């Protein structure tokens, strides 16, 4: 078997434009999903501190249910249920909700890490609850959660290939489509792996640096 049968640079260059278009979709899904997850996760973390169990109980059940079912199953189920909504929009929502359940725990840990003296000082100053949360507690808590949120952003980016199951043409699906048309799979799938590495590795380094600075 000659070298050309194992790898073709011409094929790699041919598939690159398709993969770059898929990369745009992948990054778009990650960014939008991350925004949804970050905001919704914070609301979940705050709601879990509600004084009544009638709020905490059902919310805990929903959060645990989402965590314990595979992302792929959730994507396909919602896609089949909401047939009139564009698949990419469904992908945004499912990714966001799925990761919000994990990010809520990151927020919870950040909130609990705020020193008790901060709460006591706010009470002593007779600050309103809203101002206590948004001016004192949340700025400190979110600062502590940034590395954890960054790690989940990288994880979400690496799980976007699951969007192929709902017909979204991200990088992996673009590679599969190219392979189906040309019967060449090694080059496109290898290029997909390299593009994931090129994007995710610097982000991982940034998150690690952030963890060291905030430690």
C-alpha atoms as a PDB file:
ATOM      1  CA  UNK A   1       0.000   0.000   0.000  1.00  0.00           C
ATOM      2  CA  UNK A   2       1.581   3.281  -1.055  1.00  0.00           C
ATOM      3  CA  UNK A   3       1.608   6.480   0.970  1.00  0.00           C
ATOM      4  CA  UNK A   4      -0.997   8.187  -1.171  1.00  0.00           C
ATOM      5  CA  UNK A   5      -3.557   5.537  -0.278  1.00  0.00           C
ATOM      6  CA  UNK A   6      -3.205   6.403   3.414  1.00  0.00           C
ATOM      7  CA  UNK A   7      -3.248  10.188   3.204  1.00  0.00           C
ATOM      8  CA  UNK A   8      -3.912  12.680   0.449  1.00  0.00           C
ATOM      9  CA  UNK A   9      -3.036  16.315   0.988  1.00  0.00           C
ATOM     10  CA  UNK A  10      -5.171  17.211  -1.991  1.00  0.00           C
ATOM     11  CA  UNK A  11      -8.203  15.647  -0.320  1.00  0.00           C
ATOM     12  CA  UNK A  12      -7.356  17.417   2.947  1.00  0.00           C
ATOM     13  CA  UNK A  13      -7.284  20.793   1.190  1.00  0.00           C
ATOM     14  CA  UNK A  14     -10.488  19.990  -0.699  1.00  0.00           C
ATOM     15  CA  UNK A  15     -12.424  19.290   2.482  1.00  0.00           C
ATOM     16  CA  UNK A  16     -11.047  22.255   4.439  1.00  0.00           C
ATOM     17  CA  UNK A  17     -13.597  24.860   3.206  1.00  0.00           C
ATOM     18  CA  UNK A  18     -16.484  22.595   4.219  1.00  0.00           C
ATOM     19  CA  UNK A  19     -14.920  22.019   7.624  1.00  0.00           C
ATOM     20  CA  UNK A  20     -14.353  25.732   8.194  1.00  0.00           C
ATOM     21  CA  UNK A  21     -18.009  26.401   7.448  1.00  0.00           C
ATOM     22  CA  UNK A  22     -18.846  23.634   9.911  1.00  0.00           C
ATOM     23  CA  UNK A  23     -16.469  25.200  12.428  1.00  0.00           C
ATOM     24  CA  UNK A  24     -18.439  28.448  12.242  1.00  0.00           C
ATOM     25  CA  UNK A  25     -21.605  26.520  13.132  1.00  0.00           C
ATOM     26  CA  UNK A  26     -19.748  24.677  15.911  1.00  0.00           C
ATOM     27  CA  UNK A  27     -18.478  27.916  17.468  1.00  0.00           C
ATOM     28  CA  UNK A  28     -21.870  29.555  17.065  1.00  0.00           C
ATOM     29  CA  UNK A  29     -23.570  26.665  18.867  1.00  0.00           C
ATOM     30  CA  UNK A  30     -20.963  26.796  21.638  1.00  0.00           C
ATOM     31  CA  UNK A  31     -21.215  30.550  22.172  1.00  0.00           C
ATOM     32  CA  UNK A  32     -25.018  30.722  22.129  1.00  0.00           C
ATOM     33  CA  UNK A  33     -25.324  27.562  24.217  1.00  0.00           C
ATOM     34  CA  UNK A  34     -22.830  28.939  26.714  1.00  0.00           C
ATOM     35  CA  UNK A  35     -24.728  32.212  27.075  1.00  0.00           C
ATOM     36  CA  UNK A  36     -27.964  30.305  27.723  1.00  0.00           C
ATOM     37  CA  UNK A  37     -26.254  27.918  30.154  1.00  0.00           C
ATOM     38  CA  UNK A  38     -24.505  30.707  32.075  1.00  0.00           C
ATOM     39  CA  UNK A  39     -27.672  32.742  32.594  1.00  0.00           C
ATOM     40  CA  UNK A  40     -30.027  29.825  33.218  1.00  0.00           C
ATOM     41  CA  UNK A  41     -27.502  28.095  35.478  1.00  0.00           C
ATOM     42  CA  UNK A  42     -27.339  31.192  37.693  1.00  0.00           C
ATOM     43  CA  UNK A  43     -31.131  31.343  37.933  1.00  0.00           C
ATOM     44  CA  UNK A  44     -31.213  27.649  38.872  1.00  0.00           C
ATOM     45  CA  UNK A  45     -28.568  28.166  41.548  1.00  0.00           C
ATOM     46  CA  UNK A  46     -30.539  31.064  43.038  1.00  0.00           C
ATOM     47  CA  UNK A  47     -33.851  29.186  42.833  1.00  0.00           C
ATOM     48  CA  UNK A  48     -32.308  26.229  44.655  1.00  0.00           C
ATOM     49  CA  UNK A  49     -31.819  28.565  47.632  1.00  0.00           C
ATOM     50  CA  UNK A  50     -35.546  29.275  47.818  1.00  0.00           C
ATOM     51  CA  UNK A  51     -36.914  28.892  51.347  1.00  0.00           C
ATOM     52  CA  UNK A  52     -39.759  26.606  50.274  1.00  0.00           C
ATOM     53  CA  UNK A  53     -39.248  22.983  49.331  1.00  0.00           C
ATOM     54  CA  UNK A  54     -42.106  23.256  46.837  1.00  0.00           C
ATOM     55  CA  UNK A  55     -39.675  25.150  44.643  1.00  0.00           C
ATOM     56  CA  UNK A  56     -36.501  23.260  45.494  1.00  0.00           C
ATOM     57  CA  UNK A  57     -37.998  19.760  45.230  1.00  0.00           C
ATOM     58  CA  UNK A  58     -39.411  19.870  41.674  1.00  0.00           C
ATOM     59  CA  UNK A  59     -36.432  21.879  40.460  1.00  0.00           C
ATOM     60  CA  UNK A  60     -33.997  19.333  41.904  1.00  0.00           C
ATOM     61  CA  UNK A  61     -35.908  16.531  40.151  1.00  0.00           C
ATOM     62  CA  UNK A  62     -35.739  18.322  36.785  1.00  0.00           C
ATOM     63  CA  UNK A  63     -32.043  19.115  37.200  1.00  0.00           C
ATOM     64  CA  UNK A  64     -31.194  15.526  38.148  1.00  0.00           C
ATOM     65  CA  UNK A  65     -33.288  14.159  35.283  1.00  0.00           C
ATOM     66  CA  UNK A  66     -31.456  16.315  32.735  1.00  0.00           C
ATOM     67  CA  UNK A  67     -28.068  15.366  34.158  1.00  0.00           C
ATOM     68  CA  UNK A  68     -28.829  11.654  34.181  1.00  0.00           C
ATOM     69  CA  UNK A  69     -30.041  11.427  30.582  1.00  0.00           C
ATOM     70  CA  UNK A  70     -27.619  11.588  27.646  1.00  0.00           C
ATOM     71  CA  UNK A  71     -27.291  14.823  25.710  1.00  0.00           C
ATOM     72  CA  UNK A  72     -27.751  12.914  22.448  1.00  0.00           C
ATOM     73  CA  UNK A  73     -31.101  11.516  23.599  1.00  0.00           C
ATOM     74  CA  UNK A  74     -32.247  14.965  24.696  1.00  0.00           C
ATOM     75  CA  UNK A  75     -31.327  16.481  21.334  1.00  0.00           C
ATOM     76  CA  UNK A  76     -33.205  13.853  19.319  1.00  0.00           C
ATOM     77  CA  UNK A  77     -36.248  13.888  21.619  1.00  0.00           C
ATOM     78  CA  UNK A  78     -36.671  17.677  21.487  1.00  0.00           C
ATOM     79  CA  UNK A  79     -36.017  17.678  17.744  1.00  0.00           C
ATOM     80  CA  UNK A  80     -38.777  15.116  17.163  1.00  0.00           C
ATOM     81  CA  UNK A  81     -41.085  16.977  19.520  1.00  0.00           C
ATOM     82  CA  UNK A  82     -40.559  20.452  18.025  1.00  0.00           C
ATOM     83  CA  UNK A  83     -40.514  19.664  14.328  1.00  0.00           C
ATOM     84  CA  UNK A  84     -41.295  23.239  13.237  1.00  0.00           C
ATOM     85  CA  UNK A  85     -38.249  24.775  14.938  1.00  0.00           C
ATOM     86  CA  UNK A  86     -34.931  24.936  13.038  1.00  0.00           C
ATOM     87  CA  UNK A  87     -32.551  22.185  14.213  1.00  0.00           C
ATOM     88  CA  UNK A  88     -29.767  24.638  15.025  1.00  0.00           C
ATOM     89  CA  UNK A  89     -32.081  26.610  17.318  1.00  0.00           C
ATOM     90  CA  UNK A  90     -33.014  23.346  19.052  1.00  0.00           C
ATOM     91  CA  UNK A  91     -29.306  22.640  19.404  1.00  0.00           C
ATOM     92  CA  UNK A  92     -28.750  26.023  21.053  1.00  0.00           C
ATOM     93  CA  UNK A  93     -31.524  25.400  23.539  1.00  0.00           C
ATOM     94  CA  UNK A  94     -30.722  21.801  24.426  1.00  0.00           C
ATOM     95  CA  UNK A  95     -27.000  22.490  24.834  1.00  0.00           C
ATOM     96  CA  UNK A  96     -27.801  25.516  26.980  1.00  0.00           C
ATOM     97  CA  UNK A  97     -30.288  23.745  29.229  1.00  0.00           C
ATOM     98  CA  UNK A  98     -28.150  20.614  29.562  1.00  0.00           C
ATOM     99  CA  UNK A  99     -25.063  22.527  30.640  1.00  0.00           C
ATOM    100  CA  UNK A 100     -27.052  24.945  32.797  1.00  0.00           C
ATOM    101  CA  UNK A 101     -27.751  22.069  35.186  1.00  0.00           C
ATOM    102  CA  UNK A 102     -24.014  21.553  35.656  1.00  0.00           C
ATOM    103  CA  UNK A 103     -23.148  25.234  35.806  1.00  0.00           C
ATOM    104  CA  UNK A 104     -25.741  25.740  38.532  1.00  0.00           C
ATOM    105  CA  UNK A 105     -23.542  23.609  40.788  1.00  0.00           C
ATOM    106  CA  UNK A 106     -20.540  25.751  39.920  1.00  0.00           C
ATOM    107  CA  UNK A 107     -22.508  28.871  40.860  1.00  0.00           C
ATOM    108  CA  UNK A 108     -23.723  27.199  44.044  1.00  0.00           C
ATOM    109  CA  UNK A 109     -20.164  26.415  45.080  1.00  0.00           C
ATOM    110  CA  UNK A 110     -19.112  29.985  44.287  1.00  0.00           C
ATOM    111  CA  UNK A 111     -21.940  31.440  46.362  1.00  0.00           C
ATOM    112  CA  UNK A 112     -21.167  29.182  49.310  1.00  0.00           C
ATOM    113  CA  UNK A 113     -17.493  30.161  49.061  1.00  0.00           C
ATOM    114  CA  UNK A 114     -18.298  33.822  49.798  1.00  0.00           C
ATOM    115  CA  UNK A 115     -17.125  34.441  53.390  1.00  0.00           C
ATOM    116  CA  UNK A 116     -19.895  34.565  55.989  1.00  0.00           C
ATOM    117  CA  UNK A 117     -18.578  37.961  57.064  1.00  0.00           C
ATOM    118  CA  UNK A 118     -19.802  39.449  53.794  1.00  0.00           C
ATOM    119  CA  UNK A 119     -23.364  38.368  54.562  1.00  0.00           C
ATOM    120  CA  UNK A 120     -23.067  39.617  58.130  1.00  0.00           C
ATOM    121  CA  UNK A 121     -21.722  42.982  56.995  1.00  0.00           C
ATOM    122  CA  UNK A 122     -24.598  43.406  54.542  1.00  0.00           C
ATOM    123  CA  UNK A 123     -27.085  42.567  57.291  1.00  0.00           C
ATOM    124  CA  UNK A 124     -25.397  44.974  59.703  1.00  0.00           C
ATOM    125  CA  UNK A 125     -25.630  47.752  57.113  1.00  0.00           C
ATOM    126  CA  UNK A 126     -29.303  46.886  56.596  1.00  0.00           C
ATOM    127  CA  UNK A 127     -28.801  46.553  52.855  1.00  0.00           C
ATOM    128  CA  UNK A 128     -31.777  45.382  50.781  1.00  0.00           C
ATOM    129  CA  UNK A 129     -31.597  41.759  49.631  1.00  0.00           C
ATOM    130  CA  UNK A 130     -31.334  42.741  45.996  1.00  0.00           C
ATOM    131  CA  UNK A 131     -28.377  45.020  46.605  1.00  0.00           C
ATOM    132  CA  UNK A 132     -26.714  42.429  48.837  1.00  0.00           C
ATOM    133  CA  UNK A 133     -26.882  39.862  46.071  1.00  0.00           C
ATOM    134  CA  UNK A 134     -25.987  41.995  43.077  1.00  0.00           C
ATOM    135  CA  UNK A 135     -23.466  44.343  44.671  1.00  0.00           C
ATOM    136  CA  UNK A 136     -21.707  42.044  47.155  1.00  0.00           C
ATOM    137  CA  UNK A 137     -22.397  38.319  46.817  1.00  0.00           C
ATOM    138  CA  UNK A 138     -22.694  37.630  43.090  1.00  0.00           C
ATOM    139  CA  UNK A 139     -19.619  39.634  41.972  1.00  0.00           C
ATOM    140  CA  UNK A 140     -17.456  37.609  44.364  1.00  0.00           C
ATOM    141  CA  UNK A 141     -19.172  34.301  43.582  1.00  0.00           C
ATOM    142  CA  UNK A 142     -18.999  34.695  39.795  1.00  0.00           C
ATOM    143  CA  UNK A 143     -15.332  35.638  39.979  1.00  0.00           C
ATOM    144  CA  UNK A 144     -14.655  32.322  41.709  1.00  0.00           C
ATOM    145  CA  UNK A 145     -16.694  30.372  39.155  1.00  0.00           C
ATOM    146  CA  UNK A 146     -15.003  31.677  35.986  1.00  0.00           C
ATOM    147  CA  UNK A 147     -12.523  28.769  35.665  1.00  0.00           C
ATOM    148  CA  UNK A 148     -15.294  26.216  36.117  1.00  0.00           C
ATOM    149  CA  UNK A 149     -17.470  27.946  33.549  1.00  0.00           C
ATOM    150  CA  UNK A 150     -14.521  28.018  31.153  1.00  0.00           C
ATOM    151  CA  UNK A 151     -14.016  24.267  31.528  1.00  0.00           C
ATOM    152  CA  UNK A 152     -17.669  23.653  30.707  1.00  0.00           C
ATOM    153  CA  UNK A 153     -17.347  25.890  27.637  1.00  0.00           C
ATOM    154  CA  UNK A 154     -14.551  23.638  26.366  1.00  0.00           C
ATOM    155  CA  UNK A 155     -16.647  20.556  27.133  1.00  0.00           C
ATOM    156  CA  UNK A 156     -19.618  21.987  25.275  1.00  0.00           C
ATOM    157  CA  UNK A 157     -17.438  22.784  22.276  1.00  0.00           C
ATOM    158  CA  UNK A 158     -16.236  19.169  22.161  1.00  0.00           C
ATOM    159  CA  UNK A 159     -19.806  17.822  22.397  1.00  0.00           C
ATOM    160  CA  UNK A 160     -21.213  19.845  19.495  1.00  0.00           C
ATOM    161  CA  UNK A 161     -20.681  16.860  17.108  1.00  0.00           C
ATOM    162  CA  UNK A 162     -23.816  15.386  18.711  1.00  0.00           C
ATOM    163  CA  UNK A 163     -25.730  17.991  16.705  1.00  0.00           C
ATOM    164  CA  UNK A 164     -25.289  15.742  13.674  1.00  0.00           C
ATOM    165  CA  UNK A 165     -28.143  13.636  15.080  1.00  0.00           C
ATOM    166  CA  UNK A 166     -30.599  16.483  14.427  1.00  0.00           C
ATOM    167  CA  UNK A 167     -29.232  17.236  10.912  1.00  0.00           C
ATOM    168  CA  UNK A 168     -27.107  20.245  11.915  1.00  0.00           C
ATOM    169  CA  UNK A 169     -24.090  20.385   9.604  1.00  0.00           C
ATOM    170  CA  UNK A 170     -21.293  21.197  12.031  1.00  0.00           C
ATOM    171  CA  UNK A 171     -17.695  20.027  11.540  1.00  0.00           C
ATOM    172  CA  UNK A 172     -18.258  16.335  12.118  1.00  0.00           C
ATOM    173  CA  UNK A 173     -21.298  16.158   9.856  1.00  0.00           C
ATOM    174  CA  UNK A 174     -19.460  18.150   7.182  1.00  0.00           C
ATOM    175  CA  UNK A 175     -16.661  15.569   7.326  1.00  0.00           C
ATOM    176  CA  UNK A 176     -19.136  12.700   7.084  1.00  0.00           C
ATOM    177  CA  UNK A 177     -20.907  14.306   4.130  1.00  0.00           C
ATOM    178  CA  UNK A 178     -17.598  14.782   2.338  1.00  0.00           C
ATOM    179  CA  UNK A 179     -16.622  11.185   3.047  1.00  0.00           C
ATOM    180  CA  UNK A 180     -19.944   9.882   1.758  1.00  0.00           C
ATOM    181  CA  UNK A 181     -19.446  11.749  -1.518  1.00  0.00           C
ATOM    182  CA  UNK A 182     -15.760  10.922  -2.044  1.00  0.00           C
ATOM    183  CA  UNK A 183     -15.328   7.674  -0.075  1.00  0.00           C
ATOM    184  CA  UNK A 184     -12.422   9.376   1.735  1.00  0.00           C
ATOM    185  CA  UNK A 185     -12.860   9.523   5.499  1.00  0.00           C
ATOM    186  CA  UNK A 186      -9.339   9.572   6.940  1.00  0.00           C
ATOM    187  CA  UNK A 187      -8.499  13.108   5.790  1.00  0.00           C
ATOM    188  CA  UNK A 188     -11.747  14.851   6.784  1.00  0.00           C
ATOM    189  CA  UNK A 189     -12.007  13.154  10.185  1.00  0.00           C
ATOM    190  CA  UNK A 190      -8.342  13.837  10.929  1.00  0.00           C
ATOM    191  CA  UNK A 191      -8.810  17.475   9.970  1.00  0.00           C
ATOM    192  CA  UNK A 192     -11.838  17.666  12.275  1.00  0.00           C
ATOM    193  CA  UNK A 193      -9.715  16.404  15.156  1.00  0.00           C
ATOM    194  CA  UNK A 194      -6.988  18.933  14.379  1.00  0.00           C
ATOM    195  CA  UNK A 195      -9.453  21.830  14.203  1.00  0.00           C
ATOM    196  CA  UNK A 196     -10.976  20.830  17.530  1.00  0.00           C
ATOM    197  CA  UNK A 197      -7.476  20.721  19.011  1.00  0.00           C
ATOM    198  CA  UNK A 198      -6.479  24.079  17.518  1.00  0.00           C
ATOM    199  CA  UNK A 199      -9.506  25.788  19.041  1.00  0.00           C
ATOM    200  CA  UNK A 200      -9.897  23.960  22.353  1.00  0.00           C
ATOM    201  CA  UNK A 201      -6.251  23.680  23.445  1.00  0.00           C
ATOM    202  CA  UNK A 202      -5.556  27.450  23.666  1.00  0.00           C
ATOM    203  CA  UNK A 203      -8.886  27.858  25.461  1.00  0.00           C
ATOM    204  CA  UNK A 204      -7.873  25.173  27.970  1.00  0.00           C
ATOM    205  CA  UNK A 205      -4.581  26.978  28.569  1.00  0.00           C
ATOM    206  CA  UNK A 206      -6.460  30.230  29.128  1.00  0.00           C
ATOM    207  CA  UNK A 207      -8.772  28.564  31.645  1.00  0.00           C
ATOM    208  CA  UNK A 208      -5.794  27.021  33.450  1.00  0.00           C
ATOM    209  CA  UNK A 209      -4.097  30.415  33.612  1.00  0.00           C
ATOM    210  CA  UNK A 210      -7.302  31.914  34.945  1.00  0.00           C
ATOM    211  CA  UNK A 211      -7.465  29.250  37.663  1.00  0.00           C
ATOM    212  CA  UNK A 212      -3.907  30.076  38.742  1.00  0.00           C
ATOM    213  CA  UNK A 213      -4.581  33.811  38.870  1.00  0.00           C
ATOM    214  CA  UNK A 214      -7.795  33.415  40.841  1.00  0.00           C
ATOM    215  CA  UNK A 215      -6.395  30.779  43.215  1.00  0.00           C
END
